[in-house]
Amino acid sequence: MKLMKSVTYLFILFFSLWITTGFTETVEERKMANAIEVLNDLNLIPENAIPPTLLQNAYGIAIIPSLIKVGFLAGGRYGKGILMVRTTSNRWSNPSFVYIAGASFGYQIGAQSTDIVLVFKSKKSVDSIASGKITLGADVSVAAGPVGRQASAGTDIMMKAEIYSYSRSRGFFAGFSLEGAVLNIDKGSNVNFYKKPYVTAIEIFESKDLEAPVSASKLKQCLIRYTRQQQ
């Protein structure tokens, strides 16, 4: 009888610990972990990686895990992710949460879940979103980015697009395009993540006193490691 009580007690204790650890992760922390996964996967195959020159000279990078796009002739897309920029000391900033949304037109049938990576080539393009929303293809130019370690700096990288986009699809879709989509700061997620009311994207990018959760540091280290591997 005592043995049964002990086993029951241990089971309840184990189950309680499992419940506690399983549900302490917030939506924002899960999104941060997904962003790390996307970044790691993009570097698995060098032939499909972001060219070293492009990433080394980038002012910012946005990672949108699992952007959902569905449609039949006309469609819509929506996804949440993170944005990090280079500071004045050339280090990666703390991440700000962002979301992308928009409608699309033209011949398109199906549904698609796509991991999106946006590489910002200019400070202007990141400053624009930090202080408000931007429409891709209108406020800033966007183009599909070149891939592979051997991508020449004399080709697409030197073109005038301010943002280059990369994607990893897990479904079927015809007619994929980011033009017309709106990219904006996710203020609510920033407040939840940093536990600070009214925190702004500019404060997140520039403040040295802002306390960031451990998952933010993990993402920064991942991006630093990835950048060094490309050098």
C-alpha atoms as a PDB file:
ATOM      1  CA  MET A   1       0.000   0.000   0.000  1.00  0.00           C
ATOM      2  CA  LYS A   2       2.819   2.351   0.897  1.00  0.00           C
ATOM      3  CA  LEU A   3       4.535   1.460  -2.375  1.00  0.00           C
ATOM      4  CA  MET A   4       1.403   2.335  -4.341  1.00  0.00           C
ATOM      5  CA  LYS A   5       1.129   5.675  -2.541  1.00  0.00           C
ATOM      6  CA  SER A   6       4.763   6.445  -3.292  1.00  0.00           C
ATOM      7  CA  VAL A   7       4.366   5.583  -6.970  1.00  0.00           C
ATOM      8  CA  THR A   8       1.185   7.655  -7.146  1.00  0.00           C
ATOM      9  CA  TYR A   9       2.930  10.600  -5.483  1.00  0.00           C
ATOM     10  CA  LEU A  10       5.888  10.401  -7.863  1.00  0.00           C
ATOM     11  CA  PHE A  11       3.531  10.205 -10.834  1.00  0.00           C
ATOM     12  CA  ILE A  12       1.615  13.288  -9.683  1.00  0.00           C
ATOM     13  CA  LEU A  13       4.886  15.155  -9.076  1.00  0.00           C
ATOM     14  CA  PHE A  14       6.239  14.211 -12.507  1.00  0.00           C
ATOM     15  CA  PHE A  15       2.969  15.140 -14.215  1.00  0.00           C
ATOM     16  CA  SER A  16       2.882  18.501 -12.405  1.00  0.00           C
ATOM     17  CA  LEU A  17       6.434  19.297 -13.473  1.00  0.00           C
ATOM     18  CA  TRP A  18       5.607  18.293 -17.057  1.00  0.00           C
ATOM     19  CA  ILE A  19       2.557  20.540 -17.088  1.00  0.00           C
ATOM     20  CA  THR A  20       4.529  23.451 -15.621  1.00  0.00           C
ATOM     21  CA  THR A  21       7.435  23.236 -18.053  1.00  0.00           C
ATOM     22  CA  GLY A  22       5.210  22.467 -21.019  1.00  0.00           C
ATOM     23  CA  PHE A  23       3.100  25.585 -20.674  1.00  0.00           C
ATOM     24  CA  THR A  24       5.568  28.172 -19.403  1.00  0.00           C
ATOM     25  CA  GLU A  25       6.761  28.924 -22.919  1.00  0.00           C
ATOM     26  CA  THR A  26       4.920  31.964 -24.269  1.00  0.00           C
ATOM     27  CA  VAL A  27       3.714  32.499 -27.810  1.00  0.00           C
ATOM     28  CA  GLU A  28       6.521  35.009 -28.332  1.00  0.00           C
ATOM     29  CA  GLU A  29       9.200  32.613 -27.055  1.00  0.00           C
ATOM     30  CA  ARG A  30       7.846  29.907 -29.371  1.00  0.00           C
ATOM     31  CA  LYS A  31       8.075  32.318 -32.286  1.00  0.00           C
ATOM     32  CA  MET A  32      11.659  33.125 -31.292  1.00  0.00           C
ATOM     33  CA  ALA A  33      12.526  29.406 -31.275  1.00  0.00           C
ATOM     34  CA  ASN A  34      10.911  28.982 -34.684  1.00  0.00           C
ATOM     35  CA  ALA A  35      12.987  31.866 -36.045  1.00  0.00           C
ATOM     36  CA  ILE A  36      16.184  30.160 -34.847  1.00  0.00           C
ATOM     37  CA  GLU A  37      15.077  26.959 -36.561  1.00  0.00           C
ATOM     38  CA  VAL A  38      14.452  28.762 -39.851  1.00  0.00           C
ATOM     39  CA  LEU A  39      17.830  30.493 -39.693  1.00  0.00           C
ATOM     40  CA  ASN A  40      19.622  27.208 -39.015  1.00  0.00           C
ATOM     41  CA  ASP A  41      17.814  25.396 -41.826  1.00  0.00           C
ATOM     42  CA  LEU A  42      18.681  28.063 -44.372  1.00  0.00           C
ATOM     43  CA  ASN A  43      22.352  27.354 -43.770  1.00  0.00           C
ATOM     44  CA  LEU A  44      22.180  23.560 -44.059  1.00  0.00           C
ATOM     45  CA  ILE A  45      22.706  23.499 -47.824  1.00  0.00           C
ATOM     46  CA  PRO A  46      25.336  26.038 -48.998  1.00  0.00           C
ATOM     47  CA  GLU A  47      23.905  26.023 -52.518  1.00  0.00           C
ATOM     48  CA  ASN A  48      20.629  27.371 -51.122  1.00  0.00           C
ATOM     49  CA  ALA A  49      22.079  29.702 -48.490  1.00  0.00           C
ATOM     50  CA  ILE A  50      21.948  33.481 -48.424  1.00  0.00           C
ATOM     51  CA  PRO A  51      25.108  34.748 -50.174  1.00  0.00           C
ATOM     52  CA  PRO A  52      27.818  35.808 -47.693  1.00  0.00           C
ATOM     53  CA  THR A  53      28.297  39.259 -49.235  1.00  0.00           C
ATOM     54  CA  LEU A  54      24.614  40.076 -48.995  1.00  0.00           C
ATOM     55  CA  LEU A  55      24.238  39.047 -45.357  1.00  0.00           C
ATOM     56  CA  GLN A  56      27.506  40.627 -44.217  1.00  0.00           C
ATOM     57  CA  ASN A  57      26.430  43.980 -45.662  1.00  0.00           C
ATOM     58  CA  ALA A  58      22.792  43.755 -44.552  1.00  0.00           C
ATOM     59  CA  TYR A  59      21.421  46.396 -42.209  1.00  0.00           C
ATOM     60  CA  GLY A  60      18.608  44.196 -40.963  1.00  0.00           C
ATOM     61  CA  ILE A  61      17.026  40.765 -41.226  1.00  0.00           C
ATOM     62  CA  ALA A  62      13.403  39.713 -40.682  1.00  0.00           C
ATOM     63  CA  ILE A  63      12.372  36.095 -40.141  1.00  0.00           C
ATOM     64  CA  ILE A  64       8.695  35.175 -40.544  1.00  0.00           C
ATOM     65  CA  PRO A  65       8.156  31.489 -39.703  1.00  0.00           C
ATOM     66  CA  SER A  66       5.072  29.907 -41.230  1.00  0.00           C
ATOM     67  CA  LEU A  67       3.558  32.758 -43.219  1.00  0.00           C
ATOM     68  CA  ILE A  68       0.178  31.404 -44.306  1.00  0.00           C
ATOM     69  CA  LYS A  69      -1.153  32.126 -47.768  1.00  0.00           C
ATOM     70  CA  VAL A  70      -4.395  30.755 -49.183  1.00  0.00           C
ATOM     71  CA  GLY A  71      -6.356  31.628 -52.258  1.00  0.00           C
ATOM     72  CA  PHE A  72      -8.513  30.801 -55.203  1.00  0.00           C
ATOM     73  CA  LEU A  73      -7.955  33.382 -57.968  1.00  0.00           C
ATOM     74  CA  ALA A  74      -7.582  35.984 -55.189  1.00  0.00           C
ATOM     75  CA  GLY A  75      -5.934  35.289 -51.866  1.00  0.00           C
ATOM     76  CA  GLY A  76      -4.546  36.565 -48.605  1.00  0.00           C
ATOM     77  CA  ARG A  77      -1.423  36.087 -46.495  1.00  0.00           C
ATOM     78  CA  TYR A  78      -0.499  36.651 -42.875  1.00  0.00           C
ATOM     79  CA  GLY A  79       2.360  35.791 -40.571  1.00  0.00           C
ATOM     80  CA  LYS A  80       4.259  36.945 -37.487  1.00  0.00           C
ATOM     81  CA  GLY A  81       7.999  36.987 -36.930  1.00  0.00           C
ATOM     82  CA  ILE A  82      10.958  39.015 -35.726  1.00  0.00           C
ATOM     83  CA  LEU A  83      13.186  41.792 -37.049  1.00  0.00           C
ATOM     84  CA  MET A  84      16.776  42.519 -35.992  1.00  0.00           C
ATOM     85  CA  VAL A  85      18.999  45.362 -37.183  1.00  0.00           C
ATOM     86  CA  ARG A  86      22.658  46.244 -36.933  1.00  0.00           C
ATOM     87  CA  THR A  87      23.475  48.834 -34.289  1.00  0.00           C
ATOM     88  CA  THR A  88      25.884  51.738 -34.682  1.00  0.00           C
ATOM     89  CA  SER A  89      28.613  49.439 -33.321  1.00  0.00           C
ATOM     90  CA  ASN A  90      27.815  46.910 -36.085  1.00  0.00           C
ATOM     91  CA  ARG A  91      26.296  44.402 -33.646  1.00  0.00           C
ATOM     92  CA  TRP A  92      22.910  42.758 -33.972  1.00  0.00           C
ATOM     93  CA  SER A  93      20.172  44.437 -31.948  1.00  0.00           C
ATOM     94  CA  ASN A  94      17.516  42.876 -29.768  1.00  0.00           C
ATOM     95  CA  PRO A  95      14.638  41.460 -31.836  1.00  0.00           C
ATOM     96  CA  SER A  96      11.395  43.320 -32.420  1.00  0.00           C
ATOM     97  CA  PHE A  97       8.281  41.390 -33.346  1.00  0.00           C
ATOM     98  CA  VAL A  98       6.694  42.165 -36.701  1.00  0.00           C
ATOM     99  CA  TYR A  99       3.804  40.926 -38.786  1.00  0.00           C
ATOM    100  CA  ILE A 100       3.187  40.788 -42.514  1.00  0.00           C
ATOM    101  CA  ALA A 101      -0.259  40.845 -44.109  1.00  0.00           C
ATOM    102  CA  GLY A 102      -1.869  41.540 -47.442  1.00  0.00           C
ATOM    103  CA  ALA A 103      -4.038  40.421 -50.331  1.00  0.00           C
ATOM    104  CA  SER A 104      -2.830  39.031 -53.639  1.00  0.00           C
ATOM    105  CA  PHE A 105      -4.398  38.692 -57.050  1.00  0.00           C
ATOM    106  CA  GLY A 106      -3.819  36.765 -60.245  1.00  0.00           C
ATOM    107  CA  TYR A 107      -4.025  33.055 -60.983  1.00  0.00           C
ATOM    108  CA  GLN A 108      -3.359  31.270 -57.691  1.00  0.00           C
ATOM    109  CA  ILE A 109      -4.872  28.093 -56.353  1.00  0.00           C
ATOM    110  CA  GLY A 110      -4.058  26.281 -53.149  1.00  0.00           C
ATOM    111  CA  ALA A 111      -2.635  26.854 -49.706  1.00  0.00           C
ATOM    112  CA  GLN A 112       0.916  27.354 -48.575  1.00  0.00           C
ATOM    113  CA  SER A 113       2.888  27.661 -45.356  1.00  0.00           C
ATOM    114  CA  THR A 114       6.123  29.484 -46.095  1.00  0.00           C
ATOM    115  CA  ASP A 115       9.073  30.496 -43.951  1.00  0.00           C
ATOM    116  CA  ILE A 116      10.122  33.987 -45.060  1.00  0.00           C
ATOM    117  CA  VAL A 117      13.478  35.706 -44.585  1.00  0.00           C
ATOM    118  CA  LEU A 118      13.826  39.353 -45.601  1.00  0.00           C
ATOM    119  CA  VAL A 119      17.292  40.888 -45.908  1.00  0.00           C
ATOM    120  CA  PHE A 120      17.352  44.683 -45.611  1.00  0.00           C
ATOM    121  CA  LYS A 121      20.098  46.340 -47.621  1.00  0.00           C
ATOM    122  CA  SER A 122      19.703  49.906 -46.353  1.00  0.00           C
ATOM    123  CA  LYS A 123      19.190  51.743 -43.077  1.00  0.00           C
ATOM    124  CA  LYS A 124      16.351  53.659 -44.703  1.00  0.00           C
ATOM    125  CA  SER A 125      14.281  50.521 -45.246  1.00  0.00           C
ATOM    126  CA  VAL A 126      14.529  49.493 -41.577  1.00  0.00           C
ATOM    127  CA  ASP A 127      14.005  53.031 -40.258  1.00  0.00           C
ATOM    128  CA  SER A 128      10.775  53.173 -42.251  1.00  0.00           C
ATOM    129  CA  ILE A 129       9.258  50.153 -40.546  1.00  0.00           C
ATOM    130  CA  ALA A 130      10.587  51.099 -37.090  1.00  0.00           C
ATOM    131  CA  SER A 131       8.567  54.315 -37.220  1.00  0.00           C
ATOM    132  CA  GLY A 132       5.557  52.901 -39.105  1.00  0.00           C
ATOM    133  CA  LYS A 133       4.414  50.303 -41.589  1.00  0.00           C
ATOM    134  CA  ILE A 134       5.860  49.740 -45.052  1.00  0.00           C
ATOM    135  CA  THR A 135       4.303  48.241 -48.142  1.00  0.00           C
ATOM    136  CA  LEU A 136       6.670  45.926 -49.966  1.00  0.00           C
ATOM    137  CA  GLY A 137       7.081  46.900 -53.583  1.00  0.00           C
ATOM    138  CA  ALA A 138       5.628  50.379 -53.006  1.00  0.00           C
ATOM    139  CA  ASP A 139       7.348  52.111 -50.077  1.00  0.00           C
ATOM    140  CA  VAL A 140      10.453  49.982 -50.555  1.00  0.00           C
ATOM    141  CA  SER A 141      11.524  47.814 -53.474  1.00  0.00           C
ATOM    142  CA  VAL A 142      11.628  44.052 -52.912  1.00  0.00           C
ATOM    143  CA  ALA A 143      13.038  41.257 -55.077  1.00  0.00           C
ATOM    144  CA  ALA A 144      13.662  37.538 -54.804  1.00  0.00           C
ATOM    145  CA  GLY A 145      17.169  37.145 -53.453  1.00  0.00           C
ATOM    146  CA  PRO A 146      20.025  35.281 -55.105  1.00  0.00           C
ATOM    147  CA  VAL A 147      21.174  32.055 -53.423  1.00  0.00           C
ATOM    148  CA  GLY A 148      24.404  30.119 -53.025  1.00  0.00           C
ATOM    149  CA  ARG A 149      27.862  30.870 -51.725  1.00  0.00           C
ATOM    150  CA  GLN A 150      29.105  31.509 -55.234  1.00  0.00           C
ATOM    151  CA  ALA A 151      26.478  34.152 -56.103  1.00  0.00           C
ATOM    152  CA  SER A 152      28.337  36.969 -57.790  1.00  0.00           C
ATOM    153  CA  ALA A 153      28.404  40.415 -56.222  1.00  0.00           C
ATOM    154  CA  GLY A 154      28.111  41.752 -59.741  1.00  0.00           C
ATOM    155  CA  THR A 155      24.656  40.284 -60.383  1.00  0.00           C
ATOM    156  CA  ASP A 156      21.450  40.585 -58.344  1.00  0.00           C
ATOM    157  CA  ILE A 157      23.233  41.678 -55.168  1.00  0.00           C
ATOM    158  CA  MET A 158      24.244  44.928 -56.828  1.00  0.00           C
ATOM    159  CA  MET A 159      20.745  45.705 -58.072  1.00  0.00           C
ATOM    160  CA  LYS A 160      18.732  48.494 -56.495  1.00  0.00           C
ATOM    161  CA  ALA A 161      16.209  46.471 -54.506  1.00  0.00           C
ATOM    162  CA  GLU A 162      16.170  47.593 -50.870  1.00  0.00           C
ATOM    163  CA  ILE A 163      14.932  44.242 -49.565  1.00  0.00           C
ATOM    164  CA  TYR A 164      15.675  40.720 -50.767  1.00  0.00           C
ATOM    165  CA  SER A 165      13.307  37.885 -49.903  1.00  0.00           C
ATOM    166  CA  TYR A 166      13.963  34.202 -49.320  1.00  0.00           C
ATOM    167  CA  SER A 167      11.406  31.476 -48.662  1.00  0.00           C
ATOM    168  CA  ARG A 168      11.090  27.845 -47.671  1.00  0.00           C
ATOM    169  CA  SER A 169       7.747  26.324 -48.610  1.00  0.00           C
ATOM    170  CA  ARG A 170       6.000  23.355 -47.030  1.00  0.00           C
ATOM    171  CA  GLY A 171       2.946  23.295 -49.290  1.00  0.00           C
ATOM    172  CA  PHE A 172       1.785  24.015 -52.822  1.00  0.00           C
ATOM    173  CA  PHE A 173       1.002  27.403 -54.274  1.00  0.00           C
ATOM    174  CA  ALA A 174       1.149  28.954 -57.742  1.00  0.00           C
ATOM    175  CA  GLY A 175       1.893  32.647 -58.197  1.00  0.00           C
ATOM    176  CA  PHE A 176       3.827  33.478 -54.980  1.00  0.00           C
ATOM    177  CA  SER A 177       4.777  37.143 -54.557  1.00  0.00           C
ATOM    178  CA  LEU A 178       5.533  39.486 -51.635  1.00  0.00           C
ATOM    179  CA  GLU A 179       4.765  42.693 -53.491  1.00  0.00           C
ATOM    180  CA  GLY A 180       1.866  44.567 -51.965  1.00  0.00           C
ATOM    181  CA  ALA A 181       2.218  42.928 -48.555  1.00  0.00           C
ATOM    182  CA  VAL A 182       2.368  45.244 -45.531  1.00  0.00           C
ATOM    183  CA  LEU A 183       5.135  44.793 -42.961  1.00  0.00           C
ATOM    184  CA  ASN A 184       4.489  46.360 -39.571  1.00  0.00           C
ATOM    185  CA  ILE A 185       5.708  46.329 -35.967  1.00  0.00           C
ATOM    186  CA  ASP A 186       3.796  43.935 -33.705  1.00  0.00           C
ATOM    187  CA  LYS A 187       3.477  46.248 -30.690  1.00  0.00           C
ATOM    188  CA  GLY A 188       1.422  43.848 -28.594  1.00  0.00           C
ATOM    189  CA  SER A 189       3.949  41.024 -28.895  1.00  0.00           C
ATOM    190  CA  ASN A 190       6.794  43.418 -28.036  1.00  0.00           C
ATOM    191  CA  VAL A 191       5.014  44.474 -24.839  1.00  0.00           C
ATOM    192  CA  ASN A 192       4.315  40.846 -23.885  1.00  0.00           C
ATOM    193  CA  PHE A 193       7.863  39.722 -24.612  1.00  0.00           C
ATOM    194  CA  TYR A 194       9.797  42.541 -22.933  1.00  0.00           C
ATOM    195  CA  LYS A 195       7.259  43.028 -20.125  1.00  0.00           C
ATOM    196  CA  LYS A 196       7.395  46.788 -20.632  1.00  0.00           C
ATOM    197  CA  PRO A 197       4.308  48.868 -21.491  1.00  0.00           C
ATOM    198  CA  TYR A 198       4.633  51.139 -24.526  1.00  0.00           C
ATOM    199  CA  VAL A 199       8.042  49.765 -25.516  1.00  0.00           C
ATOM    200  CA  THR A 200       8.843  50.894 -29.064  1.00  0.00           C
ATOM    201  CA  ALA A 201      10.794  49.223 -31.847  1.00  0.00           C
ATOM    202  CA  ILE A 202      13.329  52.054 -31.797  1.00  0.00           C
ATOM    203  CA  GLU A 203      13.900  51.481 -28.071  1.00  0.00           C
ATOM    204  CA  ILE A 204      14.319  47.762 -28.667  1.00  0.00           C
ATOM    205  CA  PHE A 205      16.875  48.369 -31.402  1.00  0.00           C
ATOM    206  CA  GLU A 206      18.856  51.129 -29.689  1.00  0.00           C
ATOM    207  CA  SER A 207      18.529  50.845 -25.888  1.00  0.00           C
ATOM    208  CA  LYS A 208      21.426  49.235 -24.024  1.00  0.00           C
ATOM    209  CA  ASP A 209      19.441  49.084 -20.786  1.00  0.00           C
ATOM    210  CA  LEU A 210      16.464  47.093 -22.048  1.00  0.00           C
ATOM    211  CA  GLU A 211      16.258  43.705 -20.348  1.00  0.00           C
ATOM    212  CA  ALA A 212      15.700  40.978 -22.922  1.00  0.00           C
ATOM    213  CA  PRO A 213      14.616  37.371 -22.262  1.00  0.00           C
ATOM    214  CA  VAL A 214      17.126  34.557 -22.735  1.00  0.00           C
ATOM    215  CA  SER A 215      15.516  33.479 -26.014  1.00  0.00           C
ATOM    216  CA  ALA A 216      16.400  36.866 -27.550  1.00  0.00           C
ATOM    217  CA  SER A 217      20.066  36.323 -26.692  1.00  0.00           C
ATOM    218  CA  LYS A 218      19.931  32.839 -28.217  1.00  0.00           C
ATOM    219  CA  LEU A 219      18.613  34.267 -31.477  1.00  0.00           C
ATOM    220  CA  LYS A 220      21.308  36.948 -31.534  1.00  0.00           C
ATOM    221  CA  GLN A 221      24.023  34.382 -30.938  1.00  0.00           C
ATOM    222  CA  CYS A 222      22.620  32.215 -33.715  1.00  0.00           C
ATOM    223  CA  LEU A 223      22.721  35.119 -36.154  1.00  0.00           C
ATOM    224  CA  ILE A 224      26.238  36.088 -35.054  1.00  0.00           C
ATOM    225  CA  ARG A 225      27.416  32.490 -35.505  1.00  0.00           C
ATOM    226  CA  TYR A 226      25.758  32.231 -38.905  1.00  0.00           C
ATOM    227  CA  THR A 227      27.356  35.499 -40.039  1.00  0.00           C
ATOM    228  CA  ARG A 228      30.809  34.380 -38.895  1.00  0.00           C
ATOM    229  CA  GLN A 229      30.438  31.079 -40.732  1.00  0.00           C
ATOM    230  CA  GLN A 230      29.846  33.008 -43.925  1.00  0.00           C
ATOM    231  CA  GLN A 231      33.000  35.118 -43.578  1.00  0.00           C
END
